[in-house]
Amino acid sequence: MMQKKHERMRGEILNGSIEKTLLKLAYPLVFFNLLFIIYNLTDTFWLGKLGREAVSAPTVSFPFIWTMMSFGAGFAIAGFAFVSQYAGAGQWDKAKHNIANLLTLMFFSSFALGIIGFFITPWILRILGVPADAYGNAVVYLRVMFIGIPFSFEGFAFSFALRAIGDTKTPTIINSIAIILNVILDPLLIFGIGPFPRLEILGAALGTIISYSIASILSIYLVFSGKLGIKFYLSDFKPDFGLYKKMFKIGLPASIGQSLNALGFVVLMGIVSQFGSVVIAAYGIGQRIISLIFTVSDGFSMAMSTMVGQNLGVLNFKRIRKIVNKTILINTIFISIPTLLIFLFRTQIIGIFIKDILVINEGAIFFACFLIAMPFFGIFFISTSVVRTAGRTKESMVLGIIRLWGLRVSLAYFLSTLWGSTGIWIGMAMSNIIASILAYFWYKRETWKETVTKEEVMPSFQL
């Protein structure tokens, strides 16, 4: 039986104040995203003490990890679409069934992806021409991260499932525990403080794996304890291959799209790598600082997806339009202040993480070029989230491919031949602006009205 708090949340999502409900759902997500970025910045801070080669390792590794994680993300997106729409329709048994099968599917798929990633790591790094001074650390870091993918996948599925039913606090608490533990372990394992051995880049990777394995164990405990408001039993996790087929149909385009997007960042990383470790380090630090702003857009986008998904479950299209418009407005307001502050103090901020004057100067140029596109970036994510939440993953795949391959990679490569690394930063900004305008007009076509549960739910609102 679903706890009353989930029914209350459903009522607020379907009938309550849009602004109040959006903020209620978003603030735990923004908090977690902010905490995650603080961890990344802390990680960068400690690795910066080892030199720019150490900072470069997670920078060149991230796109590869993202590529593998994208396969799981596609199925999590499919699960989110089903669960949120069933929850909105009040069909809790079907929502529970989809949650259980999502967790099962993610569990079995993660091991294969981790093994593949572990063995192809050196080959990919060599193909993309990662500089020799960053290659060794990158291999170590990336391989350890691939070993931990099963823990990441389960946490991923757990978070998506709970957010779909309107619970953004529980996954935030679990993931926050992991991040805080990671922040504590980082300096201990990197520098060998106290009884811990000095592991340097290996220590940073191990700290992440240990932390997220603990979070995964906590998630499993909550699933079977009934404390989530839904009581699960082992029998609930019996594979439903018919449902897997539906998830595969929706999840495959999302997985392909996410993977191609991630691969686009891999290629972009290859373009950046051609300019040496100074540009790589500046790009890595700059991306982590920019992520502070992304926390806001991402949080509002995820909160909006929950509201859109549940309102799709009752076919309330009029309310969805209002939700999207208000989310864009609120998001734009919230990201303006940090964008301005980072622009004004960009040199001082970079100097906190590394003292290399060449990296600081390059990072300042990166910010000057890229920050202008930040408001547009939020519009892109909000618009594509609506399409994706409806299960229209082929369309969101196309939008993502256009943004990364049609615009970002192409512009970055072409402009880098004219203006060097500065051309890369300008190309990145231009791609966000153009893609965001395109995504918004695509959203206005309203193809998202065709939902994945349209044959199983009844409309309860006027359109």
Protein backbone atom coordinates (compact mmCIF):
# COMPACT_ATOMS: atom_id res chain seq x y z
CA MET A 1 0.00 0.00 0.00
CA MET A 2 1.31 3.40 -0.93
CA GLN A 3 1.97 5.75 1.97
CA LYS A 4 -0.27 8.78 2.33
CA LYS A 5 2.66 11.13 1.72
CA HIS A 6 2.95 9.85 -1.86
CA GLU A 7 -0.76 10.42 -2.45
CA ARG A 8 -0.44 13.93 -1.00
CA MET A 9 2.50 14.63 -3.29
CA ARG A 10 0.52 13.33 -6.25
CA GLY A 11 -2.31 15.70 -5.34
CA GLU A 12 0.07 18.66 -5.23
CA ILE A 13 1.63 17.69 -8.56
CA LEU A 14 -1.75 17.37 -10.28
CA ASN A 15 -3.66 20.20 -8.61
CA GLY A 16 -1.41 22.35 -6.41
CA SER A 17 0.54 25.54 -6.99
CA ILE A 18 2.99 24.92 -9.82
CA GLU A 19 5.67 27.23 -8.42
CA LYS A 20 5.45 25.84 -4.89
CA THR A 21 5.42 22.21 -6.02
CA LEU A 22 8.28 22.75 -8.45
CA LEU A 23 10.45 24.32 -5.76
CA LYS A 24 9.49 21.59 -3.28
CA LEU A 25 10.61 18.90 -5.70
CA ALA A 26 13.62 20.80 -7.01
CA TYR A 27 15.40 21.93 -3.85
CA PRO A 28 16.57 18.44 -2.78
CA LEU A 29 17.78 17.83 -6.33
CA VAL A 30 19.62 21.15 -6.52
CA PHE A 31 21.13 20.49 -3.09
CA PHE A 32 22.37 17.07 -4.16
CA ASN A 33 23.71 18.37 -7.47
CA LEU A 34 25.48 21.17 -5.63
CA LEU A 35 26.94 18.71 -3.15
CA PHE A 36 28.08 16.52 -6.04
CA ILE A 37 29.81 19.45 -7.70
CA ILE A 38 31.44 20.42 -4.42
CA TYR A 39 32.79 16.87 -4.29
CA ASN A 40 34.13 17.21 -7.85
CA LEU A 41 35.73 20.52 -6.96
CA THR A 42 37.20 18.98 -3.80
CA ASP A 43 38.50 16.08 -5.87
CA THR A 44 40.02 18.55 -8.32
CA PHE A 45 41.50 20.58 -5.44
CA TRP A 46 43.30 17.57 -3.95
CA LEU A 47 44.42 16.22 -7.32
CA GLY A 48 45.65 19.70 -8.20
CA LYS A 49 48.19 19.31 -5.41
CA LEU A 50 49.71 16.47 -7.43
CA GLY A 51 49.98 18.58 -10.59
CA ARG A 52 48.08 19.18 -13.80
CA GLU A 53 48.72 15.62 -15.04
CA ALA A 54 46.65 14.27 -12.12
CA VAL A 55 43.87 16.80 -12.78
CA SER A 56 43.80 15.72 -16.42
CA ALA A 57 43.13 12.04 -15.58
CA PRO A 58 39.48 12.37 -14.44
CA THR A 59 38.91 15.02 -17.11
CA VAL A 60 39.81 12.71 -20.00
CA SER A 61 38.13 9.76 -18.24
CA PHE A 62 34.72 11.30 -17.67
CA PRO A 63 33.40 11.07 -21.26
CA PHE A 64 34.22 7.35 -21.41
CA ILE A 65 32.47 6.65 -18.12
CA TRP A 66 29.51 8.65 -19.36
CA THR A 67 29.41 6.64 -22.58
CA MET A 68 29.02 3.36 -20.68
CA MET A 69 26.61 4.86 -18.14
CA SER A 70 24.47 6.11 -21.00
CA PHE A 71 23.32 2.59 -21.80
CA GLY A 72 21.88 2.29 -18.31
CA ALA A 73 20.55 5.84 -18.42
CA GLY A 74 18.40 4.99 -21.42
CA PHE A 75 16.57 2.24 -19.57
CA ALA A 76 16.28 4.42 -16.47
CA ILE A 77 14.62 7.07 -18.63
CA ALA A 78 12.18 4.48 -19.97
CA GLY A 79 11.43 3.32 -16.43
CA PHE A 80 10.90 6.92 -15.33
CA ALA A 81 8.39 7.50 -18.13
CA PHE A 82 6.34 4.44 -17.16
CA VAL A 83 6.52 4.90 -13.38
CA SER A 84 5.72 8.63 -13.38
CA GLN A 85 2.72 8.22 -15.69
CA TYR A 86 1.31 5.28 -13.73
CA ALA A 87 1.84 7.17 -10.48
CA GLY A 88 0.02 10.19 -11.89
CA ALA A 89 -2.87 7.94 -12.90
CA GLY A 90 -2.96 6.46 -9.38
CA GLN A 91 -2.10 2.96 -10.66
CA TRP A 92 0.39 2.18 -7.90
CA ASP A 93 0.58 -1.59 -8.52
CA LYS A 94 1.79 -0.97 -12.06
CA ALA A 95 4.21 1.68 -10.82
CA LYS A 96 5.64 -0.82 -8.31
CA HIS A 97 5.94 -3.52 -10.98
CA ASN A 98 7.88 -1.16 -13.24
CA ILE A 99 10.20 -0.09 -10.41
CA ALA A 100 11.08 -3.70 -9.56
CA ASN A 101 11.81 -4.61 -13.16
CA LEU A 102 13.84 -1.46 -13.72
CA LEU A 103 16.10 -2.37 -10.78
CA THR A 104 16.45 -5.95 -12.04
CA LEU A 105 17.29 -4.89 -15.58
CA MET A 106 19.89 -2.40 -14.42
CA PHE A 107 21.48 -4.98 -12.11
CA PHE A 108 22.13 -7.54 -14.83
CA SER A 109 23.20 -5.10 -17.54
CA SER A 110 25.76 -3.26 -15.43
CA PHE A 111 28.25 -6.10 -15.06
CA ALA A 112 28.63 -6.63 -18.79
CA LEU A 113 29.19 -2.93 -19.39
CA GLY A 114 31.75 -2.73 -16.60
CA ILE A 115 33.75 -5.64 -18.01
CA ILE A 116 33.71 -4.19 -21.53
CA GLY A 117 34.81 -0.79 -20.30
CA PHE A 118 37.64 -2.23 -18.20
CA PHE A 119 39.25 -4.03 -21.13
CA ILE A 120 38.86 -1.38 -23.83
CA THR A 121 40.17 1.50 -21.69
CA PRO A 122 43.82 1.54 -22.93
CA TRP A 123 42.76 1.10 -26.54
CA ILE A 124 40.33 4.04 -26.49
CA LEU A 125 42.76 6.35 -24.73
CA ARG A 126 45.44 5.60 -27.32
CA ILE A 127 43.04 6.02 -30.24
CA LEU A 128 42.09 9.50 -29.06
CA GLY A 129 45.69 10.52 -28.53
CA VAL A 130 45.58 11.35 -24.83
CA PRO A 131 48.93 13.02 -24.00
CA ALA A 132 51.63 10.76 -22.58
CA ASP A 133 51.81 12.76 -19.34
CA ALA A 134 48.11 12.05 -18.67
CA TYR A 135 47.77 8.55 -20.16
CA GLY A 136 49.00 6.41 -17.25
CA ASN A 137 46.84 8.10 -14.64
CA ALA A 138 43.84 8.05 -16.96
CA VAL A 139 44.09 4.27 -17.45
CA VAL A 140 44.22 3.63 -13.70
CA TYR A 141 41.38 6.02 -12.88
CA LEU A 142 39.10 4.87 -15.68
CA ARG A 143 39.52 1.15 -15.04
CA VAL A 144 38.69 1.45 -11.35
CA MET A 145 35.62 3.53 -12.18
CA PHE A 146 34.39 0.87 -14.61
CA ILE A 147 34.71 -1.77 -11.88
CA GLY A 148 32.27 0.27 -9.80
CA ILE A 149 29.64 0.72 -12.53
CA PRO A 150 27.24 -1.89 -11.03
CA PHE A 151 26.96 0.20 -7.85
CA SER A 152 26.40 3.35 -9.89
CA PHE A 153 23.72 1.68 -12.03
CA GLU A 154 21.67 0.51 -9.06
CA GLY A 155 21.85 3.92 -7.43
CA PHE A 156 20.88 5.47 -10.74
CA ALA A 157 17.78 3.28 -11.11
CA PHE A 158 16.82 3.77 -7.44
CA SER A 159 16.97 7.56 -7.77
CA PHE A 160 15.01 7.66 -11.03
CA ALA A 161 12.27 5.41 -9.65
CA LEU A 162 11.72 7.45 -6.50
CA ARG A 163 11.79 10.76 -8.35
CA ALA A 164 9.12 9.41 -10.69
CA ILE A 165 6.68 8.95 -7.78
CA GLY A 166 7.50 12.39 -6.40
CA ASP A 167 10.08 11.48 -3.73
CA THR A 168 13.16 13.59 -4.38
CA LYS A 169 14.33 13.69 -0.76
CA THR A 170 15.19 10.01 -0.16
CA PRO A 171 17.59 9.60 -3.10
CA THR A 172 19.15 12.94 -2.18
CA ILE A 173 19.83 11.74 1.36
CA ILE A 174 21.32 8.43 0.19
CA ASN A 175 23.51 10.03 -2.46
CA SER A 176 24.57 12.80 -0.08
CA ILE A 177 25.86 10.20 2.37
CA ALA A 178 27.96 8.72 -0.43
CA ILE A 179 29.36 12.09 -1.45
CA ILE A 180 30.24 13.17 2.09
CA LEU A 181 32.02 9.86 2.64
CA ASN A 182 33.83 10.35 -0.66
CA VAL A 183 34.98 13.84 0.34
CA ILE A 184 36.39 12.39 3.58
CA LEU A 185 38.13 9.48 1.86
CA ASP A 186 39.71 11.52 -0.95
CA PRO A 187 42.60 13.19 0.92
CA LEU A 188 43.14 10.10 3.07
CA LEU A 189 43.59 7.79 0.08
CA ILE A 190 45.26 10.26 -2.28
CA PHE A 191 47.99 11.38 0.15
CA GLY A 192 48.15 8.42 2.53
CA ILE A 193 47.11 10.23 5.69
CA GLY A 194 47.22 8.20 8.91
CA PRO A 195 46.95 4.44 8.38
CA PHE A 196 45.96 4.80 4.73
CA PRO A 197 48.48 4.15 1.92
CA ARG A 198 49.39 6.93 -0.52
CA LEU A 199 47.54 5.93 -3.69
CA GLU A 200 47.32 9.28 -5.52
CA ILE A 201 45.00 8.99 -8.57
CA LEU A 202 44.09 5.41 -7.65
CA GLY A 203 42.98 6.67 -4.24
CA ALA A 204 40.60 9.18 -5.81
CA ALA A 205 38.95 6.43 -7.87
CA LEU A 206 38.76 3.97 -4.96
CA GLY A 207 37.17 6.60 -2.73
CA THR A 208 34.37 6.99 -5.26
CA ILE A 209 33.78 3.25 -5.60
CA ILE A 210 33.73 2.62 -1.85
CA SER A 211 31.29 5.48 -1.26
CA TYR A 212 28.82 4.45 -3.92
CA SER A 213 28.91 0.79 -2.96
CA ILE A 214 27.74 1.83 0.52
CA ALA A 215 24.99 3.98 -1.03
CA SER A 216 23.89 1.03 -3.16
CA ILE A 217 23.65 -1.21 -0.09
CA LEU A 218 21.54 1.41 1.70
CA SER A 219 19.24 1.63 -1.32
CA ILE A 220 18.73 -2.14 -1.39
CA TYR A 221 17.91 -2.09 2.31
CA LEU A 222 15.26 0.60 1.83
CA VAL A 223 13.71 -1.28 -1.08
CA PHE A 224 13.11 -4.43 0.98
CA SER A 225 12.38 -2.76 4.33
CA GLY A 226 9.12 -1.15 3.19
CA LYS A 227 10.26 2.24 4.51
CA LEU A 228 9.80 3.79 1.08
CA GLY A 229 6.05 3.39 1.33
CA ILE A 230 6.11 0.42 -1.05
CA LYS A 231 6.80 -3.07 0.25
CA PHE A 232 8.91 -5.14 -2.13
CA TYR A 233 9.49 -8.90 -1.98
CA LEU A 234 11.93 -11.08 -3.90
CA SER A 235 9.03 -12.37 -6.01
CA ASP A 236 8.46 -8.82 -7.28
CA PHE A 237 11.81 -8.95 -9.05
CA LYS A 238 10.93 -11.85 -11.31
CA PRO A 239 11.86 -10.70 -14.83
CA ASP A 240 8.93 -9.49 -16.93
CA PHE A 241 10.26 -9.89 -20.46
CA GLY A 242 7.20 -8.24 -21.96
CA LEU A 243 7.95 -5.13 -19.93
CA TYR A 244 11.63 -5.38 -20.80
CA LYS A 245 10.61 -5.30 -24.45
CA LYS A 246 8.65 -2.08 -23.88
CA MET A 247 11.51 -0.56 -21.91
CA PHE A 248 13.92 -1.65 -24.62
CA LYS A 249 11.78 0.00 -27.31
CA ILE A 250 11.78 3.29 -25.41
CA GLY A 251 15.15 2.94 -23.73
CA LEU A 252 17.22 1.95 -26.76
CA PRO A 253 16.88 5.30 -28.58
CA ALA A 254 17.60 7.06 -25.29
CA SER A 255 20.65 4.85 -24.72
CA ILE A 256 21.88 5.39 -28.27
CA GLY A 257 21.27 9.11 -28.00
CA GLN A 258 22.99 9.40 -24.63
CA SER A 259 25.88 7.23 -25.81
CA LEU A 260 26.34 9.20 -29.03
CA ASN A 261 26.20 12.41 -27.03
CA ALA A 262 28.78 11.05 -24.62
CA LEU A 263 30.88 9.90 -27.57
CA GLY A 264 30.59 13.43 -28.89
CA PHE A 265 32.19 14.64 -25.67
CA VAL A 266 34.88 11.98 -26.11
CA VAL A 267 35.66 13.39 -29.55
CA LEU A 268 35.53 16.91 -28.13
CA MET A 269 37.99 15.76 -25.47
CA GLY A 270 40.20 14.54 -28.32
CA ILE A 271 40.07 18.00 -29.88
CA VAL A 272 40.94 19.59 -26.54
CA SER A 273 43.75 17.07 -25.95
CA GLN A 274 45.53 18.20 -29.11
CA PHE A 275 46.37 21.46 -27.35
CA GLY A 276 48.16 19.79 -24.42
CA SER A 277 47.74 19.32 -20.67
CA VAL A 278 47.37 23.05 -19.95
CA VAL A 279 44.19 23.29 -22.05
CA ILE A 280 42.97 19.92 -20.72
CA ALA A 281 43.39 21.06 -17.11
CA ALA A 282 41.72 24.42 -17.81
CA TYR A 283 38.82 22.66 -19.52
CA GLY A 284 38.44 20.20 -16.63
CA ILE A 285 38.47 22.88 -13.93
CA GLY A 286 36.22 25.14 -15.98
CA GLN A 287 33.67 22.40 -16.56
CA ARG A 288 33.53 21.59 -12.84
CA ILE A 289 32.95 25.22 -11.91
CA ILE A 290 30.34 25.66 -14.65
CA SER A 291 28.62 22.62 -13.19
CA LEU A 292 27.69 24.76 -10.20
CA ILE A 293 25.28 26.57 -12.50
CA PHE A 294 24.13 23.32 -14.11
CA THR A 295 22.99 22.14 -10.68
CA VAL A 296 20.14 24.64 -10.84
CA SER A 297 19.02 23.84 -14.39
CA ASP A 298 19.35 20.11 -13.84
CA GLY A 299 17.42 20.25 -10.56
CA PHE A 300 14.54 22.20 -12.04
CA SER A 301 14.53 20.00 -15.15
CA MET A 302 14.29 16.80 -13.09
CA ALA A 303 11.59 18.25 -10.83
CA MET A 304 9.64 19.40 -13.85
CA SER A 305 9.94 15.92 -15.38
CA THR A 306 8.21 14.41 -12.35
CA MET A 307 5.37 16.93 -12.66
CA VAL A 308 5.11 16.49 -16.43
CA GLY A 309 5.18 12.69 -16.19
CA GLN A 310 2.40 12.48 -13.62
CA ASN A 311 0.25 15.00 -15.47
CA LEU A 312 0.78 13.00 -18.65
CA GLY A 313 -0.63 10.05 -16.72
CA VAL A 314 -3.97 11.88 -16.53
CA LEU A 315 -3.57 13.61 -19.92
CA ASN A 316 -3.64 17.12 -18.44
CA PHE A 317 -1.86 18.86 -21.30
CA LYS A 318 -2.97 22.37 -20.38
CA ARG A 319 -1.26 22.13 -16.98
CA ILE A 320 1.88 20.70 -18.59
CA ARG A 321 2.22 23.78 -20.78
CA LYS A 322 1.99 26.00 -17.70
CA ILE A 323 4.55 23.85 -15.86
CA VAL A 324 7.06 24.14 -18.70
CA ASN A 325 6.67 27.90 -19.14
CA LYS A 326 7.03 28.59 -15.43
CA THR A 327 10.01 26.25 -15.14
CA ILE A 328 11.85 28.09 -17.92
CA LEU A 329 11.16 31.45 -16.26
CA ILE A 330 12.18 30.34 -12.75
CA ASN A 331 15.27 28.55 -14.03
CA THR A 332 16.46 31.58 -15.98
CA ILE A 333 16.12 33.80 -12.92
CA PHE A 334 17.95 31.36 -10.64
CA ILE A 335 20.98 30.83 -12.90
CA SER A 336 21.63 34.50 -13.71
CA ILE A 337 23.34 35.43 -10.42
CA PRO A 338 25.93 32.61 -10.25
CA THR A 339 26.68 33.08 -13.95
CA LEU A 340 27.49 36.74 -13.37
CA LEU A 341 29.58 36.05 -10.26
CA ILE A 342 31.67 33.38 -11.96
CA PHE A 343 32.29 35.70 -14.91
CA LEU A 344 33.40 38.60 -12.70
CA PHE A 345 35.73 36.52 -10.50
CA ARG A 346 36.79 33.84 -12.98
CA THR A 347 40.56 34.29 -12.52
CA GLN A 348 40.39 34.20 -8.73
CA ILE A 349 38.09 31.17 -8.74
CA ILE A 350 40.38 29.11 -10.98
CA GLY A 351 43.34 30.12 -8.82
CA ILE A 352 41.76 28.36 -5.85
CA PHE A 353 42.22 25.00 -7.54
CA ILE A 354 45.56 25.34 -9.27
CA LYS A 355 48.47 27.80 -9.18
CA ASP A 356 49.69 27.16 -12.71
CA ILE A 357 49.40 30.59 -14.36
CA LEU A 358 49.02 29.08 -17.84
CA VAL A 359 46.01 27.04 -16.72
CA ILE A 360 44.50 30.06 -14.95
CA ASN A 361 44.78 32.24 -18.05
CA GLU A 362 43.32 29.56 -20.33
CA GLY A 363 40.46 28.94 -17.90
CA ALA A 364 39.63 32.64 -17.82
CA ILE A 365 39.29 32.64 -21.60
CA PHE A 366 37.06 29.56 -21.39
CA PHE A 367 34.65 31.35 -19.01
CA ALA A 368 34.61 34.55 -21.04
CA CYS A 369 33.51 32.61 -24.12
CA PHE A 370 31.17 30.04 -22.62
CA LEU A 371 29.10 31.76 -19.91
CA ILE A 372 26.98 33.74 -22.36
CA ALA A 373 25.24 30.51 -23.40
CA MET A 374 24.14 29.46 -19.91
CA PRO A 375 20.50 30.70 -20.02
CA PHE A 376 19.99 28.91 -23.33
CA PHE A 377 21.41 25.68 -21.95
CA GLY A 378 18.59 25.52 -19.40
CA ILE A 379 15.97 25.92 -22.11
CA PHE A 380 17.48 22.99 -24.02
CA PHE A 381 17.31 20.62 -21.07
CA ILE A 382 13.81 21.64 -20.05
CA SER A 383 12.42 21.30 -23.58
CA THR A 384 14.00 17.90 -24.23
CA SER A 385 12.96 16.64 -20.79
CA VAL A 386 9.28 17.05 -21.71
CA VAL A 387 9.73 15.05 -24.90
CA ARG A 388 11.75 12.35 -23.13
CA THR A 389 9.35 12.02 -20.18
CA ALA A 390 6.53 11.26 -22.61
CA GLY A 391 8.62 8.37 -23.93
CA ARG A 392 9.41 10.13 -27.22
CA THR A 393 13.04 9.14 -26.91
CA LYS A 394 13.73 9.05 -30.65
CA GLU A 395 13.01 12.76 -30.83
CA SER A 396 15.15 13.61 -27.81
CA MET A 397 17.89 11.44 -29.34
CA VAL A 398 17.81 13.46 -32.54
CA LEU A 399 17.97 16.75 -30.63
CA GLY A 400 20.93 15.56 -28.60
CA ILE A 401 22.81 14.34 -31.68
CA ILE A 402 22.23 17.64 -33.45
CA ARG A 403 23.54 19.55 -30.43
CA LEU A 404 26.70 17.48 -29.96
CA TRP A 405 27.60 16.17 -33.41
CA GLY A 406 25.91 18.56 -35.78
CA LEU A 407 26.90 21.67 -33.86
CA ARG A 408 29.35 21.32 -30.95
CA VAL A 409 31.95 18.92 -32.36
CA SER A 410 31.79 20.46 -35.83
CA LEU A 411 32.03 24.05 -34.64
CA ALA A 412 34.72 23.28 -32.05
CA TYR A 413 36.89 21.52 -34.62
CA PHE A 414 36.45 24.12 -37.35
CA LEU A 415 36.90 27.15 -35.10
CA SER A 416 39.91 25.58 -33.35
CA THR A 417 41.69 25.53 -36.72
CA LEU A 418 41.16 29.29 -36.88
CA TRP A 419 41.60 30.46 -33.28
CA GLY A 420 43.18 27.57 -31.42
CA SER A 421 41.69 26.55 -28.08
CA THR A 422 39.63 29.75 -27.96
CA GLY A 423 37.76 28.50 -31.01
CA ILE A 424 36.74 25.39 -29.06
CA TRP A 425 35.17 27.48 -26.30
CA ILE A 426 33.33 29.70 -28.79
CA GLY A 427 32.04 26.64 -30.67
CA MET A 428 30.73 25.13 -27.43
CA ALA A 429 28.81 28.31 -26.61
CA MET A 430 27.35 28.63 -30.10
CA SER A 431 26.17 25.00 -30.07
CA ASN A 432 24.22 25.53 -26.85
CA ILE A 433 22.48 28.65 -28.14
CA ILE A 434 21.46 27.19 -31.50
CA ALA A 435 20.41 23.80 -30.08
CA SER A 436 18.31 25.41 -27.34
CA ILE A 437 16.31 27.45 -29.82
CA LEU A 438 15.73 24.34 -31.93
CA ALA A 439 14.69 22.23 -28.91
CA TYR A 440 12.17 24.81 -27.74
CA PHE A 441 10.47 24.95 -31.14
CA TRP A 442 10.45 21.14 -31.22
CA TYR A 443 8.71 21.09 -27.84
CA LYS A 444 6.09 23.51 -29.19
CA ARG A 445 5.13 20.89 -31.80
CA GLU A 446 3.57 18.95 -28.87
CA THR A 447 4.34 15.46 -30.13
CA TRP A 448 4.76 14.62 -26.42
CA LYS A 449 0.98 14.26 -26.13
CA GLU A 450 1.40 10.66 -27.35
CA THR A 451 2.31 8.96 -24.05
CA VAL A 452 3.63 5.46 -23.30
CA THR A 453 0.57 4.64 -21.16
CA LYS A 454 -2.07 6.28 -23.34
CA GLU A 455 -4.01 3.04 -23.77
CA GLU A 456 -4.07 2.25 -20.05
CA VAL A 457 -5.09 5.51 -18.38
CA MET A 458 -8.18 7.65 -18.57
CA PRO A 459 -8.13 11.45 -18.85
CA SER A 460 -9.42 13.21 -15.78
CA PHE A 461 -8.85 16.81 -16.81
CA GLN A 462 -10.00 19.03 -19.61
CA LEU A 463 -7.35 19.84 -22.17
